[in-house]
Amino acid sequence: MKRLSCALAMGLAALGFAGDAVGQSYPSKNIRIVVPFPAGGGVDTMARILGNKLSERVGQPVLIEHKPGAGGNIGADVVAKSPPDGYTLLLTVNGLSASPALYRSLPFDPVKAFEAVTQIAASQFVLVGSPKLEAKTLQEVIALARAKPGKLNYGSSGVGAPLHMQAEMFKHGAGLDIAHIPYRGDAPMLTALLAGDIDIGFMPVGTGVPQVQTGQVKGLAMTGRKRSKALPDLPTFTETGVKGLEDGSWYGLFAPAGTPRDIVVRLQKEMAEVLKSPDVIERISVTGNEPVGSTPDEFAAFFKADVAKFAKVVADAKIPKLD
């Protein structure tokens, strides 16, 4: 019995040592961060802010790869089916937590297919209007939509994507009938907005704030519980009486399920240090985002709660399931 116990102890110690060795030797080659949206959007901007700094810390190139489509689910599926070795990661937003409620079927389970690494940042959305839109304030947009049901339209970065969800929550909260025109990302949606092809649209603060500040689009309202430092004159939806948009979005980093815990912890620690860098804080904050850097366990619990929240939002708003 003593020999068996000693052998078992030695075996467990060896496994622990092997796990430590994996963590210590990682990374030994390029790390790929998959962005499930087109280049030029908010997620792409965040990935590029973080990628270079992470590369400096780990001593290996960090490559950004775009896999847009299906509201971010195509890129997520690529990562879900990648080897769980820490070399393929997913940088995405809260649309991932809405997917289970929005789609009839998915090729992966958003909760079970990934290891939560860290919440990168807390974010908000800004509702903007086309330069050609006659309404200049949120109240005027609501009045226009009620006067002409179904005539006003909004753009999104894709069916089921965060910008679509926010718009549907706005419609539900304000009791409006507004047509939906989806695009393959927030960058092409912005192009359509500037051209007057669409009337309004939600945008991530990272890409929406500069457009409002330069006057290229009309700032109408901001999600969140308080005004943004980046746009202090822009009211929140709560201030204007529209409920359900008190919470915004988030940026998060995920690895495929089964990625060794040592690697997940290493990635979180390195990213947390990146997020403490003064220039990174400045670049993230100036766009209205707030750096976070939570632990894997904290982010996993946060993500699961978000999945439950969006299940209720979709049910309450009676949003039809997507194929």
Protein backbone atom coordinates (compact mmCIF):
# COMPACT_ATOMS: atom_id res chain seq x y z
CA MET A 1 0.00 0.00 0.00
CA LYS A 2 2.87 2.38 0.86
CA ARG A 3 4.54 1.61 -2.45
CA LEU A 4 1.28 2.27 -4.29
CA SER A 5 0.81 5.57 -2.45
CA CYS A 6 4.37 6.63 -3.22
CA ALA A 7 3.93 5.71 -6.88
CA LEU A 8 0.68 7.65 -7.05
CA ALA A 9 2.27 10.67 -5.40
CA MET A 10 5.22 10.53 -7.77
CA GLY A 11 2.87 10.24 -10.71
CA LEU A 12 0.85 13.26 -9.64
CA ALA A 13 4.03 15.23 -9.03
CA ALA A 14 5.23 14.31 -12.50
CA LEU A 15 1.96 15.49 -14.00
CA GLY A 16 2.27 18.77 -12.10
CA PHE A 17 5.85 19.17 -13.29
CA ALA A 18 4.78 18.45 -16.86
CA GLY A 19 2.07 21.08 -16.57
CA ASP A 20 4.59 23.63 -15.26
CA ALA A 21 6.95 22.76 -18.09
CA VAL A 22 4.22 23.39 -20.64
CA GLY A 23 3.55 26.81 -19.13
CA GLN A 24 7.24 27.69 -18.95
CA SER A 25 7.98 26.69 -22.54
CA TYR A 26 4.95 28.55 -23.91
CA PRO A 27 4.98 30.28 -26.33
CA SER A 28 7.58 28.91 -28.71
CA LYS A 29 6.02 30.12 -31.99
CA ASN A 30 3.58 32.67 -33.43
CA ILE A 31 0.34 33.33 -31.58
CA ARG A 32 -2.72 33.92 -33.74
CA ILE A 33 -5.53 36.17 -32.51
CA VAL A 34 -8.68 35.63 -34.54
CA VAL A 35 -10.89 38.71 -34.92
CA PRO A 36 -14.36 37.55 -36.07
CA PHE A 37 -15.17 40.89 -37.72
CA PRO A 38 -13.72 42.81 -40.71
CA ALA A 39 -10.62 44.98 -40.52
CA GLY A 40 -11.18 48.58 -39.54
CA GLY A 41 -13.77 47.94 -36.85
CA GLY A 42 -13.63 48.27 -33.08
CA VAL A 43 -12.46 44.69 -32.39
CA ASP A 44 -9.72 45.00 -35.01
CA THR A 45 -8.54 48.26 -33.41
CA MET A 46 -8.44 46.65 -29.97
CA ALA A 47 -6.56 43.61 -31.28
CA ARG A 48 -3.88 45.78 -32.84
CA ILE A 49 -3.49 47.88 -29.69
CA LEU A 50 -2.90 44.74 -27.65
CA GLY A 51 -1.13 42.49 -30.15
CA ASN A 52 2.15 44.40 -30.38
CA LYS A 53 2.44 44.78 -26.62
CA LEU A 54 1.68 41.11 -26.00
CA SER A 55 4.30 40.19 -28.58
CA GLU A 56 6.89 42.26 -26.72
CA ARG A 57 6.09 40.51 -23.45
CA VAL A 58 6.09 36.90 -24.69
CA GLY A 59 8.89 37.24 -27.23
CA GLN A 60 6.91 35.80 -30.15
CA PRO A 61 5.00 37.43 -33.02
CA VAL A 62 1.28 37.95 -32.40
CA LEU A 63 -0.63 37.84 -35.68
CA ILE A 64 -4.11 39.27 -36.22
CA GLU A 65 -6.35 37.22 -38.52
CA HIS A 66 -9.83 38.30 -39.63
CA LYS A 67 -12.59 35.71 -40.01
CA PRO A 68 -15.79 37.79 -40.37
CA GLY A 69 -19.33 36.62 -40.90
CA ALA A 70 -22.49 35.35 -39.16
CA GLY A 71 -22.33 37.98 -36.43
CA GLY A 72 -18.89 36.82 -35.31
CA ASN A 73 -19.74 33.11 -35.23
CA ILE A 74 -17.57 32.09 -38.18
CA GLY A 75 -14.42 33.31 -36.48
CA ALA A 76 -15.52 31.88 -33.14
CA ASP A 77 -16.05 28.49 -34.78
CA VAL A 78 -12.53 28.59 -36.24
CA VAL A 79 -11.09 29.04 -32.75
CA ALA A 80 -13.44 26.50 -31.16
CA LYS A 81 -12.14 23.86 -33.57
CA SER A 82 -8.46 24.84 -33.27
CA PRO A 83 -5.92 22.81 -31.25
CA PRO A 84 -6.13 23.74 -27.55
CA ASP A 85 -2.48 24.72 -27.31
CA GLY A 86 -2.67 28.48 -26.72
CA TYR A 87 -1.56 29.44 -30.21
CA THR A 88 -5.01 30.32 -31.57
CA LEU A 89 -7.07 32.78 -29.55
CA LEU A 90 -10.36 34.60 -30.01
CA LEU A 91 -10.77 38.31 -29.34
CA THR A 92 -14.45 39.16 -29.49
CA VAL A 93 -17.29 41.09 -27.91
CA ASN A 94 -20.54 40.32 -26.09
CA GLY A 95 -22.24 39.11 -29.27
CA LEU A 96 -20.79 35.71 -28.39
CA SER A 97 -22.92 35.57 -25.26
CA ALA A 98 -26.06 36.42 -27.25
CA SER A 99 -25.52 33.73 -29.89
CA PRO A 100 -27.10 30.80 -27.99
CA ALA A 101 -30.36 32.73 -27.66
CA LEU A 102 -30.33 34.13 -31.19
CA TYR A 103 -29.52 31.09 -33.34
CA ARG A 104 -31.53 27.91 -33.78
CA SER A 105 -28.29 25.99 -33.99
CA LEU A 106 -24.59 26.74 -33.75
CA PRO A 107 -21.61 24.59 -34.76
CA PHE A 108 -20.19 25.12 -31.26
CA ASP A 109 -21.43 25.73 -27.72
CA PRO A 110 -20.26 29.23 -26.69
CA VAL A 111 -20.03 28.21 -23.01
CA LYS A 112 -18.40 24.80 -23.46
CA ALA A 113 -16.20 25.46 -26.52
CA PHE A 114 -13.88 28.02 -24.93
CA GLU A 115 -11.67 28.72 -21.97
CA ALA A 116 -12.29 32.25 -20.73
CA VAL A 117 -8.91 34.00 -20.46
CA THR A 118 -9.72 37.57 -19.47
CA GLN A 119 -12.11 40.44 -20.00
CA ILE A 120 -10.03 42.96 -21.90
CA ALA A 121 -12.22 46.01 -21.48
CA ALA A 122 -15.66 47.28 -20.61
CA SER A 123 -17.23 49.20 -23.44
CA GLN A 124 -20.28 51.18 -24.47
CA PHE A 125 -22.15 51.89 -27.69
CA VAL A 126 -23.09 55.18 -29.28
CA LEU A 127 -26.19 55.61 -31.43
CA VAL A 128 -25.36 57.80 -34.40
CA GLY A 129 -27.32 59.28 -37.26
CA SER A 130 -26.48 59.86 -40.91
CA PRO A 131 -25.50 63.41 -41.88
CA LYS A 132 -28.57 63.31 -44.13
CA LEU A 133 -30.97 62.37 -41.32
CA GLU A 134 -33.40 65.19 -40.58
CA ALA A 135 -33.58 64.35 -36.86
CA LYS A 136 -30.81 65.83 -34.70
CA THR A 137 -31.57 64.32 -31.27
CA LEU A 138 -32.72 60.98 -29.90
CA GLN A 139 -36.12 62.44 -29.06
CA GLU A 140 -36.51 63.62 -32.66
CA VAL A 141 -35.52 60.16 -33.97
CA ILE A 142 -38.14 58.53 -31.75
CA ALA A 143 -40.78 61.02 -32.87
CA LEU A 144 -39.88 60.46 -36.53
CA ALA A 145 -40.00 56.66 -36.16
CA ARG A 146 -43.42 56.83 -34.47
CA ALA A 147 -44.76 59.18 -37.11
CA LYS A 148 -43.56 56.92 -39.94
CA PRO A 149 -43.60 53.29 -38.73
CA GLY A 150 -41.28 51.06 -40.76
CA LYS A 151 -39.87 53.94 -42.81
CA LEU A 152 -36.78 54.63 -40.69
CA ASN A 153 -33.98 52.08 -40.92
CA TYR A 154 -30.87 51.15 -38.97
CA GLY A 155 -27.68 49.40 -39.96
CA SER A 156 -25.78 46.77 -38.01
CA SER A 157 -22.54 44.84 -38.27
CA GLY A 158 -24.45 41.65 -39.02
CA VAL A 159 -27.46 39.66 -37.88
CA GLY A 160 -26.97 38.65 -34.27
CA ALA A 161 -23.91 40.88 -33.79
CA PRO A 162 -23.75 43.29 -30.81
CA LEU A 163 -24.79 46.30 -32.89
CA HIS A 164 -27.90 44.41 -34.02
CA MET A 165 -28.73 43.41 -30.44
CA GLN A 166 -28.37 46.95 -29.16
CA ALA A 167 -30.66 48.28 -31.88
CA GLU A 168 -33.29 45.66 -31.12
CA MET A 169 -33.09 46.52 -27.42
CA PHE A 170 -33.54 50.19 -28.37
CA LYS A 171 -36.56 49.36 -30.55
CA HIS A 172 -38.09 47.28 -27.78
CA GLY A 173 -37.38 49.86 -25.08
CA ALA A 174 -38.80 52.74 -27.09
CA GLY A 175 -41.59 50.77 -28.78
CA LEU A 176 -40.49 51.54 -32.34
CA ASP A 177 -40.86 49.91 -35.76
CA ILE A 178 -37.53 50.43 -37.57
CA ALA A 179 -36.22 48.31 -40.45
CA HIS A 180 -32.94 46.42 -40.11
CA ILE A 181 -30.20 46.50 -42.79
CA PRO A 182 -27.25 44.22 -41.87
CA TYR A 183 -23.66 44.63 -43.10
CA ARG A 184 -20.55 42.50 -42.73
CA GLY A 185 -19.01 44.63 -39.99
CA ASP A 186 -19.20 48.07 -38.43
CA ALA A 187 -16.72 49.56 -40.92
CA PRO A 188 -18.92 48.91 -44.01
CA MET A 189 -21.94 49.96 -41.96
CA LEU A 190 -20.23 53.30 -41.25
CA THR A 191 -19.57 53.77 -44.97
CA ALA A 192 -23.27 53.26 -45.66
CA LEU A 193 -24.19 55.64 -42.86
CA LEU A 194 -21.93 58.38 -44.19
CA ALA A 195 -23.43 57.93 -47.65
CA GLY A 196 -26.95 58.20 -46.29
CA ASP A 197 -27.86 54.65 -47.31
CA ILE A 198 -29.02 54.03 -43.73
CA ASP A 199 -30.52 56.44 -41.21
CA ILE A 200 -29.11 55.40 -37.84
CA GLY A 201 -26.90 52.75 -36.29
CA PHE A 202 -25.16 51.76 -33.11
CA MET A 203 -21.37 51.86 -33.15
CA PRO A 204 -18.68 50.78 -30.68
CA VAL A 205 -17.24 53.80 -28.90
CA GLY A 206 -13.83 53.02 -30.41
CA THR A 207 -15.02 53.79 -33.92
CA GLY A 208 -18.11 55.88 -33.20
CA VAL A 209 -16.59 58.50 -30.91
CA PRO A 210 -14.08 59.88 -33.47
CA GLN A 211 -16.84 60.12 -36.07
CA VAL A 212 -19.06 62.10 -33.68
CA GLN A 213 -16.19 64.30 -32.51
CA THR A 214 -15.31 65.28 -36.09
CA GLY A 215 -18.95 65.86 -36.99
CA GLN A 216 -19.05 63.20 -39.69
CA VAL A 217 -22.10 61.60 -38.06
CA LYS A 218 -24.69 62.86 -35.58
CA GLY A 219 -24.29 61.69 -31.99
CA LEU A 220 -27.72 60.77 -30.62
CA ALA A 221 -27.24 58.87 -27.35
CA MET A 222 -24.85 56.62 -25.42
CA THR A 223 -25.44 53.35 -23.58
CA GLY A 224 -24.26 53.06 -19.99
CA ARG A 225 -25.20 54.41 -16.58
CA LYS A 226 -23.24 57.61 -16.87
CA ARG A 227 -22.03 59.91 -19.62
CA SER A 228 -18.82 59.08 -21.44
CA LYS A 229 -15.74 61.20 -20.78
CA ALA A 230 -15.07 60.99 -24.51
CA LEU A 231 -18.47 62.55 -25.33
CA PRO A 232 -19.56 64.39 -22.18
CA ASP A 233 -22.29 66.36 -23.97
CA LEU A 234 -24.02 63.26 -25.30
CA PRO A 235 -26.89 62.01 -23.08
CA THR A 236 -27.36 58.40 -22.06
CA PHE A 237 -30.48 56.52 -23.11
CA THR A 238 -31.56 56.43 -19.47
CA GLU A 239 -31.48 60.22 -19.32
CA THR A 240 -33.83 60.40 -22.28
CA GLY A 241 -36.26 57.86 -20.80
CA VAL A 242 -35.35 54.76 -22.86
CA LYS A 243 -34.89 51.70 -20.61
CA GLY A 244 -32.84 48.56 -21.12
CA LEU A 245 -29.60 50.11 -22.37
CA GLU A 246 -27.91 50.73 -19.03
CA ASP A 247 -25.22 48.13 -19.72
CA GLY A 248 -22.91 48.24 -22.70
CA SER A 249 -20.52 45.69 -24.11
CA TRP A 250 -17.14 44.13 -23.42
CA TYR A 251 -14.06 42.86 -25.20
CA GLY A 252 -12.85 39.43 -24.13
CA LEU A 253 -10.09 36.95 -24.88
CA PHE A 254 -10.84 33.24 -25.20
CA ALA A 255 -8.85 30.07 -25.93
CA PRO A 256 -10.21 26.74 -27.20
CA ALA A 257 -11.66 24.44 -24.53
CA GLY A 258 -9.04 22.09 -23.15
CA THR A 259 -6.18 24.59 -23.33
CA PRO A 260 -3.87 23.76 -20.40
CA ARG A 261 -4.61 25.82 -17.32
CA ASP A 262 -0.97 26.94 -17.08
CA ILE A 263 -1.20 28.51 -20.53
CA VAL A 264 -4.54 30.19 -19.80
CA VAL A 265 -3.12 31.67 -16.59
CA ARG A 266 0.05 32.78 -18.37
CA LEU A 267 -1.97 34.50 -21.08
CA GLN A 268 -4.15 36.26 -18.51
CA LYS A 269 -1.18 37.49 -16.52
CA GLU A 270 0.61 38.78 -19.60
CA MET A 271 -2.51 40.51 -20.88
CA ALA A 272 -3.19 42.03 -17.47
CA GLU A 273 0.30 43.55 -17.55
CA VAL A 274 -0.29 44.82 -21.09
CA LEU A 275 -3.47 46.51 -19.87
CA LYS A 276 -1.50 48.28 -17.12
CA SER A 277 0.83 49.89 -19.64
CA PRO A 278 0.27 53.70 -19.60
CA ASP A 279 0.18 54.01 -23.39
CA VAL A 280 -2.29 51.12 -23.69
CA ILE A 281 -4.50 52.62 -20.98
CA GLU A 282 -4.43 55.95 -22.83
CA ARG A 283 -5.21 54.41 -26.22
CA ILE A 284 -8.08 52.34 -24.83
CA SER A 285 -9.49 55.06 -22.60
CA VAL A 286 -9.44 57.78 -25.25
CA THR A 287 -11.97 55.74 -27.23
CA GLY A 288 -14.30 55.49 -24.24
CA ASN A 289 -13.35 51.93 -23.28
CA GLU A 290 -12.21 50.92 -19.80
CA PRO A 291 -9.35 48.38 -19.35
CA VAL A 292 -10.24 45.42 -17.10
CA GLY A 293 -7.88 42.39 -17.09
CA SER A 294 -9.98 40.04 -14.92
CA THR A 295 -8.89 36.53 -13.94
CA PRO A 296 -10.02 33.49 -15.96
CA ASP A 297 -12.48 32.45 -13.23
CA GLU A 298 -13.91 35.96 -12.94
CA PHE A 299 -14.38 36.26 -16.68
CA ALA A 300 -15.90 32.78 -16.97
CA ALA A 301 -18.54 33.64 -14.35
CA PHE A 302 -19.17 37.03 -15.99
CA PHE A 303 -19.58 35.41 -19.41
CA LYS A 304 -22.06 32.81 -18.18
CA ALA A 305 -24.13 35.53 -16.50
CA ASP A 306 -24.12 37.48 -19.77
CA VAL A 307 -25.39 34.43 -21.67
CA ALA A 308 -28.30 34.19 -19.23
CA LYS A 309 -28.98 37.94 -19.53
CA PHE A 310 -29.21 37.87 -23.31
CA ALA A 311 -31.46 34.80 -23.24
CA LYS A 312 -33.94 36.94 -21.30
CA VAL A 313 -33.43 39.97 -23.58
CA VAL A 314 -34.13 37.93 -26.72
CA ALA A 315 -37.17 36.30 -25.15
CA ASP A 316 -38.61 39.58 -23.83
CA ALA A 317 -38.05 41.38 -27.15
CA LYS A 318 -39.45 38.38 -29.07
CA ILE A 319 -36.49 38.46 -31.46
CA PRO A 320 -36.95 35.64 -34.02
CA LYS A 321 -34.43 32.82 -34.00
CA LEU A 322 -31.84 32.97 -36.79
CA ASP A 323 -30.86 30.06 -39.06
